Amino acid sequence: MNQKKTPNAVSAEGLLLNQSGEKILRANCTAREWAAVEALRSRPHMREELDRAIGASNSPHIVMQLRRKGFDIHCELIKRIDRYGKACQPGKYSLLAFPEVSV
């Protein structure tokens, strides 16, 4: 089945440690990318929430950049009704795994 991987710890040197104890460098990320990683570490975020967390309105682009760097980020489309009564499917992002980086 689909097992969800959850990141664990942050070290004082600005490194993330995944469940295997492998280190992920913060230096590989921009400030907005790192803000997204920090937000998604705590819990899944709807697109609008992630926009606010990173201080920009382009969170899908930030997620794309993180995916290219090896972060496993899932987007679940949630069925909703917008303010105009129309069906829509906003995205809910979840961080599943970190890239494997040797330090």
PDB file of N, CA and C in Angstrom:
ATOM      1  N   MET A   1       0.836  -1.194   0.000  1.00  0.00           N
ATOM      2  CA  MET A   1       0.000   0.000   0.000  1.00  0.00           C
ATOM      3  C   MET A   1       0.875   1.251   0.000  1.00  0.00           C
ATOM      4  N   ASN A   2       0.243   2.394  -0.073  1.00  0.00           N
ATOM      5  CA  ASN A   2       0.955   3.675  -0.123  1.00  0.00           C
ATOM      6  C   ASN A   2       1.288   4.128   1.295  1.00  0.00           C
ATOM      7  N   GLN A   3       2.553   4.004   1.708  1.00  0.00           N
ATOM      8  CA  GLN A   3       2.972   4.438   3.029  1.00  0.00           C
ATOM      9  C   GLN A   3       3.421   5.877   2.982  1.00  0.00           C
ATOM     10  N   LYS A   4       2.944   6.659   3.946  1.00  0.00           N
ATOM     11  CA  LYS A   4       3.315   8.061   4.013  1.00  0.00           C
ATOM     12  C   LYS A   4       4.610   8.196   4.804  1.00  0.00           C
ATOM     13  N   LYS A   5       5.599   8.853   4.215  1.00  0.00           N
ATOM     14  CA  LYS A   5       6.870   9.095   4.890  1.00  0.00           C
ATOM     15  C   LYS A   5       6.796  10.464   5.541  1.00  0.00           C
ATOM     16  N   THR A   6       7.254  10.560   6.779  1.00  0.00           N
ATOM     17  CA  THR A   6       7.184  11.826   7.476  1.00  0.00           C
ATOM     18  C   THR A   6       8.563  12.270   7.919  1.00  0.00           C
ATOM     19  N   PRO A   7       8.936  13.522   7.615  1.00  0.00           N
ATOM     20  CA  PRO A   7      10.221  14.044   8.059  1.00  0.00           C
ATOM     21  C   PRO A   7      10.249  14.219   9.575  1.00  0.00           C
ATOM     22  N   ASN A   8      11.433  14.098  10.163  1.00  0.00           N
ATOM     23  CA  ASN A   8      11.534  14.111  11.614  1.00  0.00           C
ATOM     24  C   ASN A   8      12.125  15.367  12.236  1.00  0.00           C
ATOM     25  N   ALA A   9      13.414  15.586  12.086  1.00  0.00           N
ATOM     26  CA  ALA A   9      14.113  16.541  12.941  1.00  0.00           C
ATOM     27  C   ALA A   9      14.854  17.609  12.157  1.00  0.00           C
ATOM     28  N   VAL A  10      15.124  18.723  12.850  1.00  0.00           N
ATOM     29  CA  VAL A  10      15.939  19.797  12.288  1.00  0.00           C
ATOM     30  C   VAL A  10      17.138  19.989  13.203  1.00  0.00           C
ATOM     31  N   SER A  11      18.322  20.039  12.625  1.00  0.00           N
ATOM     32  CA  SER A  11      19.521  20.250  13.428  1.00  0.00           C
ATOM     33  C   SER A  11      19.841  21.732  13.525  1.00  0.00           C
ATOM     34  N   ALA A  12      20.729  22.083  14.412  1.00  0.00           N
ATOM     35  CA  ALA A  12      21.099  23.486  14.635  1.00  0.00           C
ATOM     36  C   ALA A  12      21.840  24.087  13.440  1.00  0.00           C
ATOM     37  N   GLU A  13      22.446  23.266  12.607  1.00  0.00           N
ATOM     38  CA  GLU A  13      23.225  23.776  11.471  1.00  0.00           C
ATOM     39  C   GLU A  13      22.362  24.086  10.252  1.00  0.00           C
ATOM     40  N   GLY A  14      21.039  24.045  10.385  1.00  0.00           N
ATOM     41  CA  GLY A  14      20.187  24.303   9.234  1.00  0.00           C
ATOM     42  C   GLY A  14      20.054  23.096   8.326  1.00  0.00           C
ATOM     43  N   LEU A  15      20.231  21.917   8.881  1.00  0.00           N
ATOM     44  CA  LEU A  15      20.064  20.687   8.124  1.00  0.00           C
ATOM     45  C   LEU A  15      18.804  19.992   8.601  1.00  0.00           C
ATOM     46  N   LEU A  16      18.086  19.399   7.675  1.00  0.00           N
ATOM     47  CA  LEU A  16      16.967  18.538   8.048  1.00  0.00           C
ATOM     48  C   LEU A  16      17.489  17.119   8.126  1.00  0.00           C
ATOM     49  N   LEU A  17      16.962  16.371   9.049  1.00  0.00           N
ATOM     50  CA  LEU A  17      17.303  14.957   9.145  1.00  0.00           C
ATOM     51  C   LEU A  17      16.041  14.172   8.849  1.00  0.00           C
ATOM     52  N   ASN A  18      16.088  13.298   7.827  1.00  0.00           N
ATOM     53  CA  ASN A  18      14.910  12.487   7.543  1.00  0.00           C
ATOM     54  C   ASN A  18      14.873  11.308   8.504  1.00  0.00           C
ATOM     55  N   GLN A  19      13.875  10.440   8.343  1.00  0.00           N
ATOM     56  CA  GLN A  19      13.709   9.327   9.278  1.00  0.00           C
ATOM     57  C   GLN A  19      14.911   8.395   9.305  1.00  0.00           C
ATOM     58  N   SER A  20      15.642   8.321   8.216  1.00  0.00           N
ATOM     59  CA  SER A  20      16.827   7.466   8.162  1.00  0.00           C
ATOM     60  C   SER A  20      18.050   8.151   8.759  1.00  0.00           C
ATOM     61  N   GLY A  21      17.911   9.417   9.202  1.00  0.00           N
ATOM     62  CA  GLY A  21      19.022  10.157   9.756  1.00  0.00           C
ATOM     63  C   GLY A  21      19.877  10.826   8.700  1.00  0.00           C
ATOM     64  N   GLU A  22      19.453  10.777   7.420  1.00  0.00           N
ATOM     65  CA  GLU A  22      20.214  11.399   6.350  1.00  0.00           C
ATOM     66  C   GLU A  22      19.950  12.901   6.352  1.00  0.00           C
ATOM     67  N   LYS A  23      20.972  13.666   6.009  1.00  0.00           N
ATOM     68  CA  LYS A  23      20.893  15.117   6.097  1.00  0.00           C
ATOM     69  C   LYS A  23      20.464  15.745   4.778  1.00  0.00           C
ATOM     70  N   ILE A  24      19.659  16.790   4.861  1.00  0.00           N
ATOM     71  CA  ILE A  24      19.241  17.564   3.701  1.00  0.00           C
ATOM     72  C   ILE A  24      19.700  18.989   3.934  1.00  0.00           C
ATOM     73  N   LEU A  25      20.482  19.534   3.035  1.00  0.00           N
ATOM     74  CA  LEU A  25      21.028  20.882   3.198  1.00  0.00           C
ATOM     75  C   LEU A  25      19.998  21.954   2.929  1.00  0.00           C
ATOM     76  N   ARG A  26      19.907  22.900   3.830  1.00  0.00           N
ATOM     77  CA  ARG A  26      19.053  24.062   3.617  1.00  0.00           C
ATOM     78  C   ARG A  26      19.625  24.938   2.499  1.00  0.00           C
ATOM     79  N   ALA A  27      20.936  24.915   2.338  1.00  0.00           N
ATOM     80  CA  ALA A  27      21.595  25.755   1.340  1.00  0.00           C
ATOM     81  C   ALA A  27      21.122  25.449  -0.075  1.00  0.00           C
ATOM     82  N   ASN A  28      20.562  24.281  -0.299  1.00  0.00           N
ATOM     83  CA  ASN A  28      20.069  23.919  -1.626  1.00  0.00           C
ATOM     84  C   ASN A  28      18.748  24.595  -1.962  1.00  0.00           C
ATOM     85  N   CYS A  29      18.142  25.289  -1.006  1.00  0.00           N
ATOM     86  CA  CYS A  29      16.821  25.878  -1.191  1.00  0.00           C
ATOM     87  C   CYS A  29      16.864  27.396  -1.066  1.00  0.00           C
ATOM     88  N   THR A  30      15.982  28.068  -1.811  1.00  0.00           N
ATOM     89  CA  THR A  30      15.800  29.508  -1.630  1.00  0.00           C
ATOM     90  C   THR A  30      15.012  29.731  -0.346  1.00  0.00           C
ATOM     91  N   ALA A  31      14.915  30.975   0.093  1.00  0.00           N
ATOM     92  CA  ALA A  31      14.166  31.288   1.314  1.00  0.00           C
ATOM     93  C   ALA A  31      12.699  30.861   1.190  1.00  0.00           C
ATOM     94  N   ARG A  32      12.086  31.111   0.035  1.00  0.00           N
ATOM     95  CA  ARG A  32      10.680  30.713  -0.155  1.00  0.00           C
ATOM     96  C   ARG A  32      10.532  29.201  -0.201  1.00  0.00           C
ATOM     97  N   GLU A  33      11.476  28.527  -0.847  1.00  0.00           N
ATOM     98  CA  GLU A  33      11.420  27.068  -0.888  1.00  0.00           C
ATOM     99  C   GLU A  33      11.539  26.493   0.518  1.00  0.00           C
ATOM    100  N   TRP A  34      12.477  27.042   1.295  1.00  0.00           N
ATOM    101  CA  TRP A  34      12.665  26.547   2.656  1.00  0.00           C
ATOM    102  C   TRP A  34      11.432  26.810   3.509  1.00  0.00           C
ATOM    103  N   ALA A  35      10.789  27.975   3.316  1.00  0.00           N
ATOM    104  CA  ALA A  35       9.555  28.285   4.052  1.00  0.00           C
ATOM    105  C   ALA A  35       8.472  27.266   3.707  1.00  0.00           C
ATOM    106  N   ALA A  36       8.408  26.862   2.438  1.00  0.00           N
ATOM    107  CA  ALA A  36       7.432  25.851   2.033  1.00  0.00           C
ATOM    108  C   ALA A  36       7.747  24.507   2.679  1.00  0.00           C
ATOM    109  N   VAL A  37       9.025  24.127   2.695  1.00  0.00           N
ATOM    110  CA  VAL A  37       9.428  22.868   3.336  1.00  0.00           C
ATOM    111  C   VAL A  37       9.047  22.893   4.813  1.00  0.00           C
ATOM    112  N   GLU A  38       9.365  23.983   5.491  1.00  0.00           N
ATOM    113  CA  GLU A  38       9.035  24.100   6.915  1.00  0.00           C
ATOM    114  C   GLU A  38       7.525  24.003   7.147  1.00  0.00           C
ATOM    115  N   ALA A  39       6.738  24.666   6.319  1.00  0.00           N
ATOM    116  CA  ALA A  39       5.277  24.615   6.468  1.00  0.00           C
ATOM    117  C   ALA A  39       4.754  23.201   6.228  1.00  0.00           C
ATOM    118  N   LEU A  40       5.242  22.563   5.167  1.00  0.00           N
ATOM    119  CA  LEU A  40       4.756  21.232   4.826  1.00  0.00           C
ATOM    120  C   LEU A  40       5.256  20.156   5.780  1.00  0.00           C
ATOM    121  N   ARG A  41       6.353  20.412   6.488  1.00  0.00           N
ATOM    122  CA  ARG A  41       6.829  19.464   7.508  1.00  0.00           C
ATOM    123  C   ARG A  41       5.809  19.308   8.613  1.00  0.00           C
ATOM    124  N   SER A  42       5.110  20.404   8.944  1.00  0.00           N
ATOM    125  CA  SER A  42       4.189  20.366  10.074  1.00  0.00           C
ATOM    126  C   SER A  42       2.870  19.673   9.739  1.00  0.00           C
ATOM    127  N   ARG A  43       2.362  19.883   8.503  1.00  0.00           N
ATOM    128  CA  ARG A  43       1.087  19.289   8.108  1.00  0.00           C
ATOM    129  C   ARG A  43       0.832  19.610   6.631  1.00  0.00           C
ATOM    130  N   PRO A  44      -0.114  18.918   6.004  1.00  0.00           N
ATOM    131  CA  PRO A  44      -0.488  19.275   4.624  1.00  0.00           C
ATOM    132  C   PRO A  44      -1.109  20.676   4.592  1.00  0.00           C
ATOM    133  N   HIS A  45      -0.938  21.368   3.475  1.00  0.00           N
ATOM    134  CA  HIS A  45      -1.483  22.722   3.315  1.00  0.00           C
ATOM    135  C   HIS A  45      -2.254  22.839   2.004  1.00  0.00           C
ATOM    136  N   MET A  46      -3.387  23.524   2.069  1.00  0.00           N
ATOM    137  CA  MET A  46      -4.082  23.901   0.855  1.00  0.00           C
ATOM    138  C   MET A  46      -3.222  24.930   0.139  1.00  0.00           C
ATOM    139  N   ARG A  47      -3.424  25.087  -1.143  1.00  0.00           N
ATOM    140  CA  ARG A  47      -2.596  25.992  -1.947  1.00  0.00           C
ATOM    141  C   ARG A  47      -2.593  27.409  -1.366  1.00  0.00           C
ATOM    142  N   GLU A  48      -3.762  27.927  -0.989  1.00  0.00           N
ATOM    143  CA  GLU A  48      -3.845  29.290  -0.462  1.00  0.00           C
ATOM    144  C   GLU A  48      -3.087  29.426   0.860  1.00  0.00           C
ATOM    145  N   GLU A  49      -3.153  28.393   1.697  1.00  0.00           N
ATOM    146  CA  GLU A  49      -2.409  28.404   2.961  1.00  0.00           C
ATOM    147  C   GLU A  49      -0.907  28.428   2.700  1.00  0.00           C
ATOM    148  N   LEU A  50      -0.482  27.648   1.720  1.00  0.00           N
ATOM    149  CA  LEU A  50       0.942  27.601   1.398  1.00  0.00           C
ATOM    150  C   LEU A  50       1.407  28.937   0.824  1.00  0.00           C
ATOM    151  N   ASP A  51       0.562  29.580   0.014  1.00  0.00           N
ATOM    152  CA  ASP A  51       0.877  30.926  -0.479  1.00  0.00           C
ATOM    153  C   ASP A  51       1.165  31.864   0.689  1.00  0.00           C
ATOM    154  N   ARG A  52       0.295  31.849   1.694  1.00  0.00           N
ATOM    155  CA  ARG A  52       0.490  32.726   2.860  1.00  0.00           C
ATOM    156  C   ARG A  52       1.747  32.351   3.647  1.00  0.00           C
ATOM    157  N   ALA A  53       1.991  31.058   3.780  1.00  0.00           N
ATOM    158  CA  ALA A  53       3.153  30.593   4.548  1.00  0.00           C
ATOM    159  C   ALA A  53       4.470  31.028   3.919  1.00  0.00           C
ATOM    160  N   ILE A  54       4.521  31.085   2.582  1.00  0.00           N
ATOM    161  CA  ILE A  54       5.777  31.442   1.920  1.00  0.00           C
ATOM    162  C   ILE A  54       5.830  32.915   1.534  1.00  0.00           C
ATOM    163  N   GLY A  55       4.729  33.632   1.741  1.00  0.00           N
ATOM    164  CA  GLY A  55       4.718  35.060   1.440  1.00  0.00           C
ATOM    165  C   GLY A  55       4.687  35.369  -0.039  1.00  0.00           C
ATOM    166  N   ALA A  56       4.043  34.515  -0.820  1.00  0.00           N
ATOM    167  CA  ALA A  56       3.949  34.725  -2.262  1.00  0.00           C
ATOM    168  C   ALA A  56       2.676  34.054  -2.769  1.00  0.00           C
ATOM    169  N   SER A  57       2.288  34.401  -3.979  1.00  0.00           N
ATOM    170  CA  SER A  57       1.080  33.792  -4.545  1.00  0.00           C
ATOM    171  C   SER A  57       1.413  32.779  -5.622  1.00  0.00           C
ATOM    172  N   ASN A  58       2.619  32.243  -5.578  1.00  0.00           N
ATOM    173  CA  ASN A  58       3.028  31.276  -6.604  1.00  0.00           C
ATOM    174  C   ASN A  58       3.499  29.953  -5.999  1.00  0.00           C
ATOM    175  N   SER A  59       2.783  29.458  -4.997  1.00  0.00           N
ATOM    176  CA  SER A  59       3.226  28.224  -4.355  1.00  0.00           C
ATOM    177  C   SER A  59       3.309  27.034  -5.306  1.00  0.00           C
ATOM    178  N   PRO A  60       2.452  26.898  -6.345  1.00  0.00           N
ATOM    179  CA  PRO A  60       2.651  25.772  -7.261  1.00  0.00           C
ATOM    180  C   PRO A  60       4.031  25.801  -7.951  1.00  0.00           C
ATOM    181  N   HIS A  61       4.526  26.986  -8.245  1.00  0.00           N
ATOM    182  CA  HIS A  61       5.857  27.103  -8.847  1.00  0.00           C
ATOM    183  C   HIS A  61       6.940  26.694  -7.843  1.00  0.00           C
ATOM    184  N   ILE A  62       6.797  27.112  -6.603  1.00  0.00           N
ATOM    185  CA  ILE A  62       7.754  26.745  -5.557  1.00  0.00           C
ATOM    186  C   ILE A  62       7.748  25.223  -5.364  1.00  0.00           C
ATOM    187  N   VAL A  63       6.564  24.625  -5.355  1.00  0.00           N
ATOM    188  CA  VAL A  63       6.454  23.171  -5.221  1.00  0.00           C
ATOM    189  C   VAL A  63       7.150  22.482  -6.395  1.00  0.00           C
ATOM    190  N   MET A  64       6.961  23.005  -7.608  1.00  0.00           N
ATOM    191  CA  MET A  64       7.633  22.444  -8.786  1.00  0.00           C
ATOM    192  C   MET A  64       9.154  22.483  -8.608  1.00  0.00           C
ATOM    193  N   GLN A  65       9.685  23.616  -8.123  1.00  0.00           N
ATOM    194  CA  GLN A  65      11.127  23.732  -7.918  1.00  0.00           C
ATOM    195  C   GLN A  65      11.610  22.730  -6.870  1.00  0.00           C
ATOM    196  N   LEU A  66      10.853  22.555  -5.795  1.00  0.00           N
ATOM    197  CA  LEU A  66      11.235  21.590  -4.759  1.00  0.00           C
ATOM    198  C   LEU A  66      11.208  20.161  -5.305  1.00  0.00           C
ATOM    199  N   ARG A  67      10.221  19.859  -6.121  1.00  0.00           N
ATOM    200  CA  ARG A  67      10.164  18.523  -6.731  1.00  0.00           C
ATOM    201  C   ARG A  67      11.392  18.276  -7.601  1.00  0.00           C
ATOM    202  N   ARG A  68      11.811  19.286  -8.342  1.00  0.00           N
ATOM    203  CA  ARG A  68      13.010  19.149  -9.186  1.00  0.00           C
ATOM    204  C   ARG A  68      14.256  18.926  -8.353  1.00  0.00           C
ATOM    205  N   LYS A  69      14.248  19.386  -7.108  1.00  0.00           N
ATOM    206  CA  LYS A  69      15.387  19.188  -6.206  1.00  0.00           C
ATOM    207  C   LYS A  69      15.283  17.873  -5.453  1.00  0.00           C
ATOM    208  N   GLY A  70      14.245  17.089  -5.734  1.00  0.00           N
ATOM    209  CA  GLY A  70      14.140  15.759  -5.149  1.00  0.00           C
ATOM    210  C   GLY A  70      13.140  15.605  -4.026  1.00  0.00           C
ATOM    211  N   PHE A  71      12.448  16.662  -3.634  1.00  0.00           N
ATOM    212  CA  PHE A  71      11.427  16.545  -2.591  1.00  0.00           C
ATOM    213  C   PHE A  71      10.213  15.830  -3.180  1.00  0.00           C
ATOM    214  N   ASP A  72       9.663  14.889  -2.431  1.00  0.00           N
ATOM    215  CA  ASP A  72       8.470  14.163  -2.861  1.00  0.00           C
ATOM    216  C   ASP A  72       7.263  14.870  -2.262  1.00  0.00           C
ATOM    217  N   ILE A  73       6.587  15.676  -3.083  1.00  0.00           N
ATOM    218  CA  ILE A  73       5.439  16.459  -2.628  1.00  0.00           C
ATOM    219  C   ILE A  73       4.225  16.022  -3.433  1.00  0.00           C
ATOM    220  N   HIS A  74       3.200  15.578  -2.723  1.00  0.00           N
ATOM    221  CA  HIS A  74       1.978  15.094  -3.348  1.00  0.00           C
ATOM    222  C   HIS A  74       0.935  16.209  -3.364  1.00  0.00           C
ATOM    223  N   CYS A  75       0.156  16.283  -4.436  1.00  0.00           N
ATOM    224  CA  CYS A  75      -0.946  17.235  -4.530  1.00  0.00           C
ATOM    225  C   CYS A  75      -2.243  16.460  -4.674  1.00  0.00           C
ATOM    226  N   GLU A  76      -3.094  16.578  -3.677  1.00  0.00           N
ATOM    227  CA  GLU A  76      -4.409  15.947  -3.725  1.00  0.00           C
ATOM    228  C   GLU A  76      -5.422  17.005  -4.146  1.00  0.00           C
ATOM    229  N   LEU A  77      -6.215  16.701  -5.163  1.00  0.00           N
ATOM    230  CA  LEU A  77      -7.249  17.638  -5.609  1.00  0.00           C
ATOM    231  C   LEU A  77      -8.516  17.401  -4.788  1.00  0.00           C
ATOM    232  N   ILE A  78      -8.985  18.450  -4.142  1.00  0.00           N
ATOM    233  CA  ILE A  78     -10.146  18.386  -3.254  1.00  0.00           C
ATOM    234  C   ILE A  78     -11.340  19.002  -3.976  1.00  0.00           C
ATOM    235  N   LYS A  79     -12.470  18.312  -4.009  1.00  0.00           N
ATOM    236  CA  LYS A  79     -13.667  18.853  -4.649  1.00  0.00           C
ATOM    237  C   LYS A  79     -14.315  19.881  -3.732  1.00  0.00           C
ATOM    238  N   ARG A  80     -14.515  21.072  -4.253  1.00  0.00           N
ATOM    239  CA  ARG A  80     -15.127  22.172  -3.503  1.00  0.00           C
ATOM    240  C   ARG A  80     -16.070  22.951  -4.420  1.00  0.00           C
ATOM    241  N   ILE A  81     -16.807  23.854  -3.811  1.00  0.00           N
ATOM    242  CA  ILE A  81     -17.648  24.801  -4.532  1.00  0.00           C
ATOM    243  C   ILE A  81     -17.068  26.186  -4.265  1.00  0.00           C
ATOM    244  N   ASP A  82     -16.792  26.952  -5.316  1.00  0.00           N
ATOM    245  CA  ASP A  82     -16.200  28.276  -5.127  1.00  0.00           C
ATOM    246  C   ASP A  82     -17.253  29.308  -4.727  1.00  0.00           C
ATOM    247  N   ARG A  83     -16.829  30.519  -4.532  1.00  0.00           N
ATOM    248  CA  ARG A  83     -17.732  31.572  -4.065  1.00  0.00           C
ATOM    249  C   ARG A  83     -18.846  31.901  -5.052  1.00  0.00           C
ATOM    250  N   TYR A  84     -18.691  31.470  -6.275  1.00  0.00           N
ATOM    251  CA  TYR A  84     -19.693  31.717  -7.310  1.00  0.00           C
ATOM    252  C   TYR A  84     -20.606  30.520  -7.535  1.00  0.00           C
ATOM    253  N   GLY A  85     -20.451  29.492  -6.705  1.00  0.00           N
ATOM    254  CA  GLY A  85     -21.289  28.314  -6.812  1.00  0.00           C
ATOM    255  C   GLY A  85     -20.831  27.305  -7.848  1.00  0.00           C
ATOM    256  N   LYS A  86     -19.639  27.469  -8.353  1.00  0.00           N
ATOM    257  CA  LYS A  86     -19.090  26.564  -9.371  1.00  0.00           C
ATOM    258  C   LYS A  86     -18.186  25.516  -8.721  1.00  0.00           C
ATOM    259  N   ALA A  87     -18.200  24.317  -9.284  1.00  0.00           N
ATOM    260  CA  ALA A  87     -17.324  23.249  -8.797  1.00  0.00           C
ATOM    261  C   ALA A  87     -15.874  23.568  -9.153  1.00  0.00           C
ATOM    262  N   CYS A  88     -14.980  23.309  -8.222  1.00  0.00           N
ATOM    263  CA  CYS A  88     -13.550  23.508  -8.468  1.00  0.00           C
ATOM    264  C   CYS A  88     -12.780  22.434  -7.703  1.00  0.00           C
ATOM    265  N   GLN A  89     -11.486  22.347  -7.964  1.00  0.00           N
ATOM    266  CA  GLN A  89     -10.650  21.351  -7.302  1.00  0.00           C
ATOM    267  C   GLN A  89      -9.328  21.980  -6.875  1.00  0.00           C
ATOM    268  N   PRO A  90      -9.332  22.687  -5.748  1.00  0.00           N
ATOM    269  CA  PRO A  90      -8.062  23.243  -5.266  1.00  0.00           C
ATOM    270  C   PRO A  90      -7.138  22.131  -4.781  1.00  0.00           C
ATOM    271  N   GLY A  91      -5.836  22.424  -4.796  1.00  0.00           N
ATOM    272  CA  GLY A  91      -4.841  21.429  -4.408  1.00  0.00           C
ATOM    273  C   GLY A  91      -4.475  21.502  -2.937  1.00  0.00           C
ATOM    274  N   LYS A  92      -4.217  20.336  -2.363  1.00  0.00           N
ATOM    275  CA  LYS A  92      -3.725  20.213  -0.989  1.00  0.00           C
ATOM    276  C   LYS A  92      -2.378  19.498  -1.066  1.00  0.00           C
ATOM    277  N   TYR A  93      -1.296  20.205  -0.668  1.00  0.00           N
ATOM    278  CA  TYR A  93       0.059  19.687  -0.796  1.00  0.00           C
ATOM    279  C   TYR A  93       0.510  18.983   0.485  1.00  0.00           C
ATOM    280  N   SER A  94       1.182  17.849   0.300  1.00  0.00           N
ATOM    281  CA  SER A  94       1.748  17.086   1.418  1.00  0.00           C
ATOM    282  C   SER A  94       3.193  16.737   1.091  1.00  0.00           C
ATOM    283  N   LEU A  95       4.083  16.907   2.061  1.00  0.00           N
ATOM    284  CA  LEU A  95       5.483  16.519   1.916  1.00  0.00           C
ATOM    285  C   LEU A  95       5.604  15.062   2.341  1.00  0.00           C
ATOM    286  N   LEU A  96       5.972  14.193   1.385  1.00  0.00           N
ATOM    287  CA  LEU A  96       6.069  12.768   1.669  1.00  0.00           C
ATOM    288  C   LEU A  96       7.487  12.323   1.999  1.00  0.00           C
ATOM    289  N   ALA A  97       8.485  12.913   1.301  1.00  0.00           N
ATOM    290  CA  ALA A  97       9.870  12.500   1.531  1.00  0.00           C
ATOM    291  C   ALA A  97      10.835  13.590   1.085  1.00  0.00           C
ATOM    292  N   PHE A  98      12.011  13.575   1.688  1.00  0.00           N
ATOM    293  CA  PHE A  98      13.083  14.497   1.342  1.00  0.00           C
ATOM    294  C   PHE A  98      13.989  13.874   0.303  1.00  0.00           C
ATOM    295  N   PRO A  99      14.746  14.714  -0.401  1.00  0.00           N
ATOM    296  CA  PRO A  99      15.757  14.159  -1.320  1.00  0.00           C
ATOM    297  C   PRO A  99      16.887  13.518  -0.522  1.00  0.00           C
ATOM    298  N   GLU A 100      17.555  12.602  -1.150  1.00  0.00           N
ATOM    299  CA  GLU A 100      18.720  11.971  -0.523  1.00  0.00           C
ATOM    300  C   GLU A 100      19.946  12.789  -0.917  1.00  0.00           C
ATOM    301  N   VAL A 101      20.579  13.423   0.067  1.00  0.00           N
ATOM    302  CA  VAL A 101      21.728  14.291  -0.177  1.00  0.00           C
ATOM    303  C   VAL A 101      22.868  13.835   0.719  1.00  0.00           C
ATOM    304  N   SER A 102      24.033  13.653   0.154  1.00  0.00           N
ATOM    305  CA  SER A 102      25.189  13.316   0.991  1.00  0.00           C
ATOM    306  C   SER A 102      25.874  14.595   1.418  1.00  0.00           C
ATOM    307  N   VAL A 103      26.213  14.681   2.692  1.00  0.00           N
ATOM    308  CA  VAL A 103      26.825  15.882   3.259  1.00  0.00           C
ATOM    309  C   VAL A 103      28.246  15.594   3.646  1.00  0.00           C
TER     310      VAL A 103
END
